[in-house]
């Protein structure tokens, strides 16, 4: 079905399309259009349920009132929850959000950026993939506001809102040590991006500070693109290969879920035979028996800060980047209490 156009409204109102355009863009008084004509046009537009073409409006005003949001995986509980907060916060400023997931694939990320450029979004919120730094710098050169989230490029002078991932991992590992666990492993993703690097560094630093022996054999790095079966198989092989293992820290929420599956399939009792801590909270962690200790991110505050930073840049651009690092919270549950 063909959409209602300005010409359709003009025809019914008995005025020119230009007059309709002025009224619908709030320029009636500026163009000395009478209140009677203005109200008539607005009434017809409402009756016909007219929706403006954002691309056409963008060409006229330079603003489409849309934001591009690129995340790693919209199906992931953390990113889905964060996207909802961003959407709600953006709506308060009159902005709509266009979504896309990269699956941590740089080529897919580049493709999404091209789509958002075509849609003429006013600003970008991006969870960057590896090697996306050049594209980020090009967008910044084009004076398009960008806020990075979850991770950033240390060599790119950009706005970002992230968690203190080092502290989150440090606190989680220290907690396991204080509970009496002596051989603590980490299962993480094979990535050199800031968030995963900081989590691994935090884990290692905590062991060293508490004089707990560290060995590279306690670290398992898995490719992001594995499917569920392969994740589970790799985790089971790793856990059974470490002699004397009594606790494990999973560096993402989905790794934590795969970890629970793997440990249960081995017949081990979480919280009794092996301690477990995950990164990012999840309903499953709270409802599982035993409940799962985790590092929780302040999703509401992260989403609110991201939109605040972007709106500030849209209205008053600054050469000084806003770089916000928020503190994590360690939620202690039954999975990390040594029997």
Protein backbone atom coordinates (compact mmCIF):
# COMPACT_ATOMS: atom_id res chain seq x y z
CA UNK A 1 0.00 0.00 0.00
CA UNK A 2 1.33 3.39 -1.01
CA UNK A 3 2.10 5.73 1.90
CA UNK A 4 0.42 9.09 2.34
CA UNK A 5 2.49 11.90 0.86
CA UNK A 6 2.63 15.67 1.32
CA UNK A 7 0.97 16.00 -2.10
CA UNK A 8 -2.04 13.97 -0.87
CA UNK A 9 -2.46 16.32 2.09
CA UNK A 10 -2.00 19.39 -0.11
CA UNK A 11 -4.68 18.17 -2.51
CA UNK A 12 -7.25 17.71 0.26
CA UNK A 13 -6.33 20.99 1.95
CA UNK A 14 -6.41 22.94 -1.30
CA UNK A 15 -2.92 24.36 -0.81
CA UNK A 16 0.52 23.79 -2.30
CA UNK A 17 2.82 20.93 -1.18
CA UNK A 18 5.31 23.60 -0.10
CA UNK A 19 2.76 25.10 2.31
CA UNK A 20 2.08 21.65 3.78
CA UNK A 21 5.83 21.07 4.19
CA UNK A 22 6.26 24.38 6.05
CA UNK A 23 3.39 23.59 8.42
CA UNK A 24 4.51 20.01 9.19
CA UNK A 25 8.07 21.19 9.81
CA UNK A 26 6.98 23.86 12.30
CA UNK A 27 7.62 26.83 10.03
CA UNK A 28 4.02 28.09 9.69
CA UNK A 29 4.58 31.34 11.63
CA UNK A 30 7.95 31.96 10.02
CA UNK A 31 6.34 31.67 6.58
CA UNK A 32 3.26 33.68 7.67
CA UNK A 33 0.79 30.86 7.13
CA UNK A 34 -2.52 31.55 8.90
CA UNK A 35 -3.56 29.54 11.96
CA UNK A 36 -6.69 28.46 10.13
CA UNK A 37 -4.73 26.92 7.25
CA UNK A 38 -2.14 25.44 9.60
CA UNK A 39 -4.78 23.72 11.76
CA UNK A 40 -6.57 22.43 8.67
CA UNK A 41 -3.36 20.86 7.33
CA UNK A 42 -2.49 19.29 10.70
CA UNK A 43 -6.02 17.87 11.04
CA UNK A 44 -5.87 16.29 7.57
CA UNK A 45 -2.38 14.90 8.24
CA UNK A 46 -3.60 13.32 11.50
CA UNK A 47 -6.72 11.86 9.84
CA UNK A 48 -4.66 10.35 7.03
CA UNK A 49 -2.09 9.09 9.57
CA UNK A 50 0.73 10.77 7.68
CA UNK A 51 4.24 9.68 8.63
CA UNK A 52 7.16 11.78 7.40
CA UNK A 53 9.87 10.21 5.26
CA UNK A 54 12.85 10.35 7.60
CA UNK A 55 15.37 10.22 4.76
CA UNK A 56 13.69 13.11 2.95
CA UNK A 57 13.42 15.06 6.20
CA UNK A 58 17.08 14.37 6.85
CA UNK A 59 18.02 15.91 3.52
CA UNK A 60 16.09 19.06 4.39
CA UNK A 61 17.01 19.47 8.05
CA UNK A 62 20.21 17.47 8.43
CA UNK A 63 18.50 15.51 11.25
CA UNK A 64 16.64 12.21 10.99
CA UNK A 65 16.08 11.83 14.76
CA UNK A 66 17.46 8.30 14.55
CA UNK A 67 20.41 6.61 16.28
CA UNK A 68 22.32 3.58 15.06
CA UNK A 69 23.03 0.93 17.71
CA UNK A 70 25.50 -1.83 16.86
CA UNK A 71 26.03 -4.57 19.46
CA UNK A 72 27.90 -7.85 19.51
CA UNK A 73 24.84 -10.08 19.83
CA UNK A 74 21.31 -8.77 20.40
CA UNK A 75 20.28 -12.29 21.53
CA UNK A 76 22.74 -12.08 24.44
CA UNK A 77 20.95 -11.15 27.67
CA UNK A 78 23.41 -8.35 28.50
CA UNK A 79 23.19 -6.64 25.10
CA UNK A 80 19.42 -7.16 24.81
CA UNK A 81 18.84 -5.57 28.23
CA UNK A 82 21.22 -2.72 27.43
CA UNK A 83 19.55 -2.11 24.05
CA UNK A 84 16.17 -1.77 25.78
CA UNK A 85 17.56 0.85 28.17
CA UNK A 86 19.16 2.75 25.27
CA UNK A 87 15.87 2.66 23.35
CA UNK A 88 13.88 3.96 26.33
CA UNK A 89 16.41 6.70 27.10
CA UNK A 90 16.66 7.81 23.46
CA UNK A 91 12.87 8.02 23.26
CA UNK A 92 12.93 10.66 26.01
CA UNK A 93 14.89 12.87 23.61
CA UNK A 94 12.60 12.08 20.66
CA UNK A 95 15.00 9.66 18.97
CA UNK A 96 14.34 6.24 17.51
CA UNK A 97 16.97 3.45 17.51
CA UNK A 98 18.00 1.19 14.62
CA UNK A 99 19.63 -2.08 15.73
CA UNK A 100 22.22 -4.45 14.33
CA UNK A 101 24.38 -7.34 15.61
CA UNK A 102 27.95 -8.01 14.47
CA UNK A 103 28.44 -11.53 15.90
CA UNK A 104 31.94 -10.16 16.58
CA UNK A 105 32.58 -10.18 12.81
CA UNK A 106 34.36 -7.11 11.45
CA UNK A 107 33.03 -7.46 7.90
CA UNK A 108 29.48 -7.70 9.21
CA UNK A 109 30.13 -4.63 11.37
CA UNK A 110 31.34 -2.68 8.32
CA UNK A 111 28.21 -3.72 6.42
CA UNK A 112 25.98 -2.49 9.26
CA UNK A 113 27.80 0.84 9.31
CA UNK A 114 27.12 1.24 5.58
CA UNK A 115 23.41 0.57 6.13
CA UNK A 116 23.25 3.10 8.96
CA UNK A 117 25.11 5.68 6.85
CA UNK A 118 22.52 5.19 4.11
CA UNK A 119 19.74 5.66 6.66
CA UNK A 120 21.45 8.92 7.65
CA UNK A 121 21.39 8.28 11.39
CA UNK A 122 22.36 11.29 13.48
CA UNK A 123 24.74 9.39 15.75
CA UNK A 124 26.17 5.97 16.53
CA UNK A 125 26.44 3.75 19.60
CA UNK A 126 28.85 0.94 18.78
CA UNK A 127 30.22 -2.17 20.43
CA UNK A 128 33.27 -2.34 18.16
CA UNK A 129 34.75 -5.47 16.69
CA UNK A 130 38.46 -6.00 16.23
CA UNK A 131 39.92 -3.91 13.37
CA UNK A 132 36.95 -1.53 13.24
CA UNK A 133 39.13 1.34 14.46
CA UNK A 134 39.68 2.89 11.01
CA UNK A 135 35.95 3.01 10.31
CA UNK A 136 35.39 4.66 13.71
CA UNK A 137 38.02 7.29 12.95
CA UNK A 138 36.47 8.00 9.52
CA UNK A 139 33.06 8.56 11.10
CA UNK A 140 34.61 10.92 13.63
CA UNK A 141 36.32 12.81 10.80
CA UNK A 142 32.90 13.17 9.16
CA UNK A 143 31.70 14.86 12.39
CA UNK A 144 29.25 12.08 13.24
CA UNK A 145 28.88 11.64 17.02
CA UNK A 146 29.95 8.17 18.18
CA UNK A 147 29.91 6.57 21.61
CA UNK A 148 31.65 3.22 22.07
CA UNK A 149 30.31 0.82 24.67
CA UNK A 150 31.55 -2.32 26.42
CA UNK A 151 35.00 -1.88 24.84
CA UNK A 152 37.13 0.73 23.10
CA UNK A 153 40.36 1.24 21.15
CA UNK A 154 43.12 2.69 23.38
CA UNK A 155 44.72 4.44 20.39
CA UNK A 156 41.47 6.07 19.20
CA UNK A 157 40.45 9.30 20.92
CA UNK A 158 36.76 8.46 21.27
CA UNK A 159 33.81 8.79 23.63
CA UNK A 160 33.03 5.60 25.51
CA UNK A 161 31.08 4.14 28.41
CA UNK A 162 32.51 0.89 29.78
CA UNK A 163 32.74 -1.21 32.91
CA UNK A 164 35.84 -1.51 35.08
CA UNK A 165 36.40 -5.04 33.79
CA UNK A 166 39.75 -5.43 35.56
CA UNK A 167 38.14 -4.76 38.95
CA UNK A 168 35.22 -7.08 38.17
CA UNK A 169 37.54 -10.01 37.44
CA UNK A 170 39.88 -9.10 40.29
CA UNK A 171 37.03 -9.03 42.81
CA UNK A 172 35.57 -12.31 41.53
CA UNK A 173 38.91 -14.13 41.74
CA UNK A 174 39.76 -12.62 45.13
CA UNK A 175 36.40 -13.80 46.44
CA UNK A 176 37.16 -17.37 45.35
CA UNK A 177 40.56 -17.22 47.06
CA UNK A 178 39.04 -15.88 50.28
CA UNK A 179 36.51 -18.72 50.21
CA UNK A 180 39.40 -21.17 50.36
CA UNK A 181 39.70 -22.27 46.75
CA UNK A 182 43.29 -23.00 45.78
CA UNK A 183 43.32 -23.97 42.10
CA UNK A 184 41.20 -21.49 40.16
CA UNK A 185 40.90 -21.61 36.38
CA UNK A 186 39.46 -19.09 33.93
CA UNK A 187 37.49 -19.79 30.74
CA UNK A 188 37.47 -16.77 28.45
CA UNK A 189 37.17 -15.74 24.81
CA UNK A 190 40.20 -15.62 22.52
CA UNK A 191 40.18 -11.85 22.09
CA UNK A 192 42.67 -9.04 22.63
CA UNK A 193 39.94 -6.42 22.90
CA UNK A 194 39.99 -4.26 26.01
CA UNK A 195 37.12 -5.86 27.93
CA UNK A 196 38.41 -9.44 27.62
CA UNK A 197 42.05 -8.45 28.14
CA UNK A 198 41.13 -6.56 31.33
CA UNK A 199 39.16 -9.51 32.68
CA UNK A 200 42.06 -11.89 32.15
CA UNK A 201 44.52 -9.37 33.64
CA UNK A 202 42.26 -8.88 36.67
CA UNK A 203 42.09 -12.63 37.25
CA UNK A 204 45.89 -13.04 37.04
CA UNK A 205 46.57 -10.00 39.26
CA UNK A 206 44.23 -11.30 41.98
CA UNK A 207 45.97 -14.68 42.09
CA UNK A 208 49.40 -13.07 42.31
CA UNK A 209 48.33 -10.56 44.98
CA UNK A 210 46.97 -13.40 47.12
CA UNK A 211 50.07 -15.59 46.54
CA UNK A 212 48.02 -18.24 44.77
CA UNK A 213 50.03 -20.18 42.16
CA UNK A 214 49.26 -19.17 38.56
CA UNK A 215 49.97 -21.23 35.46
CA UNK A 216 49.01 -20.75 31.81
CA UNK A 217 47.44 -24.21 32.01
CA UNK A 218 44.70 -22.61 34.14
CA UNK A 219 43.61 -20.40 31.23
CA UNK A 220 41.29 -21.60 28.47
CA UNK A 221 40.68 -19.20 25.58
CA UNK A 222 37.85 -20.20 23.22
CA UNK A 223 36.92 -18.77 19.79
CA UNK A 224 33.76 -16.63 19.82
CA UNK A 225 32.19 -18.39 16.84
CA UNK A 226 31.91 -21.90 18.35
CA UNK A 227 28.44 -23.43 18.57
CA UNK A 228 26.89 -24.71 21.79
CA UNK A 229 28.05 -28.31 21.39
CA UNK A 230 31.65 -27.30 20.66
CA UNK A 231 31.71 -24.85 23.57
CA UNK A 232 30.51 -27.60 25.92
CA UNK A 233 32.99 -30.16 24.58
CA UNK A 234 35.92 -27.76 24.87
CA UNK A 235 34.97 -26.72 28.39
CA UNK A 236 34.59 -30.33 29.56
CA UNK A 237 37.96 -31.30 28.08
CA UNK A 238 39.61 -28.35 29.78
CA UNK A 239 38.03 -28.86 33.21
CA UNK A 240 38.96 -32.55 33.29
CA UNK A 241 42.53 -31.82 32.15
CA UNK A 242 43.42 -29.59 35.13
CA UNK A 243 44.45 -31.75 38.06
CA UNK A 244 43.22 -30.57 41.44
CA UNK A 245 40.90 -27.94 39.94
CA UNK A 246 38.46 -26.67 42.56
CA UNK A 247 37.02 -23.45 41.07
CA UNK A 248 36.47 -21.77 37.71
CA UNK A 249 35.73 -18.21 36.63
CA UNK A 250 33.77 -17.83 33.37
CA UNK A 251 34.52 -14.46 31.76
CA UNK A 252 31.14 -13.94 29.99
CA UNK A 253 27.56 -14.85 30.83
CA UNK A 254 27.16 -17.23 27.88
CA UNK A 255 30.38 -19.02 28.82
CA UNK A 256 28.95 -19.29 32.33
CA UNK A 257 25.81 -20.94 30.98
CA UNK A 258 27.84 -23.37 28.87
CA UNK A 259 30.00 -23.96 31.94
CA UNK A 260 26.99 -24.93 34.05
CA UNK A 261 25.87 -27.36 31.34
CA UNK A 262 29.35 -28.86 31.05
CA UNK A 263 29.84 -29.28 34.80
CA UNK A 264 26.42 -30.86 35.25
CA UNK A 265 27.10 -33.31 32.40
CA UNK A 266 30.31 -34.31 34.19
CA UNK A 267 28.26 -35.10 37.25
CA UNK A 268 30.09 -32.56 39.43
CA UNK A 269 28.23 -30.64 42.14
CA UNK A 270 28.54 -26.87 41.75
CA UNK A 271 29.31 -25.18 45.06
CA UNK A 272 30.46 -28.43 46.64
CA UNK A 273 32.92 -30.14 44.30
CA UNK A 274 33.72 -27.06 42.25
CA UNK A 275 33.26 -23.34 42.83
CA UNK A 276 31.88 -21.19 40.01
CA UNK A 277 31.67 -17.47 39.28
CA UNK A 278 30.32 -15.89 36.07
CA UNK A 279 30.63 -12.44 34.48
CA UNK A 280 27.37 -10.52 33.83
CA UNK A 281 24.24 -11.49 35.71
CA UNK A 282 21.48 -13.56 34.13
CA UNK A 283 18.08 -14.79 35.28
CA UNK A 284 19.41 -18.34 35.00
CA UNK A 285 22.19 -17.53 37.49
CA UNK A 286 19.68 -16.27 40.03
CA UNK A 287 17.21 -19.14 39.57
CA UNK A 288 19.66 -22.01 39.17
CA UNK A 289 20.13 -24.38 42.11
CA UNK A 290 22.60 -23.64 43.49
CA UNK A 291 22.40 -19.95 42.57
CA UNK A 292 25.44 -18.60 40.70
CA UNK A 293 27.81 -15.93 41.98
CA UNK A 294 28.51 -13.30 39.33
CA UNK A 295 30.02 -9.94 38.47
CA UNK A 296 27.06 -7.71 37.64
CA UNK A 297 27.15 -4.70 35.34
CA UNK A 298 24.93 -1.66 36.12
CA UNK A 299 22.99 -1.96 32.86
CA UNK A 300 20.55 0.84 33.62
CA UNK A 301 23.32 3.32 34.42
CA UNK A 302 25.42 2.23 31.42
CA UNK A 303 22.52 2.75 29.00
CA UNK A 304 21.60 6.11 30.52
CA UNK A 305 25.19 7.39 30.40
CA UNK A 306 25.64 6.26 26.78
CA UNK A 307 22.59 8.22 25.63
CA UNK A 308 23.53 11.25 27.74
CA UNK A 309 26.98 11.38 26.17
CA UNK A 310 25.57 11.00 22.64
CA UNK A 311 22.89 13.66 23.13
CA UNK A 312 25.46 16.09 24.47
CA UNK A 313 27.58 15.52 21.37
CA UNK A 314 24.60 15.95 19.08
CA UNK A 315 23.74 19.30 20.66
CA UNK A 316 27.11 20.65 21.78
CA UNK A 317 30.02 18.83 20.10
CA UNK A 318 33.26 18.83 22.07
CA UNK A 319 36.86 18.04 21.18
CA UNK A 320 37.35 16.54 24.64
CA UNK A 321 36.14 12.92 24.70
CA UNK A 322 33.87 11.77 27.52
CA UNK A 323 35.32 8.50 28.78
CA UNK A 324 33.25 6.92 31.54
CA UNK A 325 34.28 3.80 33.48
CA UNK A 326 31.60 2.41 35.80
CA UNK A 327 32.16 0.10 38.79
CA UNK A 328 30.91 -3.53 38.80
CA UNK A 329 29.11 -5.31 41.64
CA UNK A 330 30.03 -8.78 42.87
CA UNK A 331 26.82 -10.65 43.72
CA UNK A 332 27.72 -13.54 46.02
CA UNK A 333 25.51 -16.62 45.79
CA UNK A 334 25.71 -20.33 46.59
CA UNK A 335 28.00 -21.47 43.74
CA UNK A 336 31.16 -20.05 45.34
CA UNK A 337 30.74 -21.17 48.93
CA UNK A 338 33.26 -23.90 49.71
CA UNK A 339 31.62 -26.78 51.58
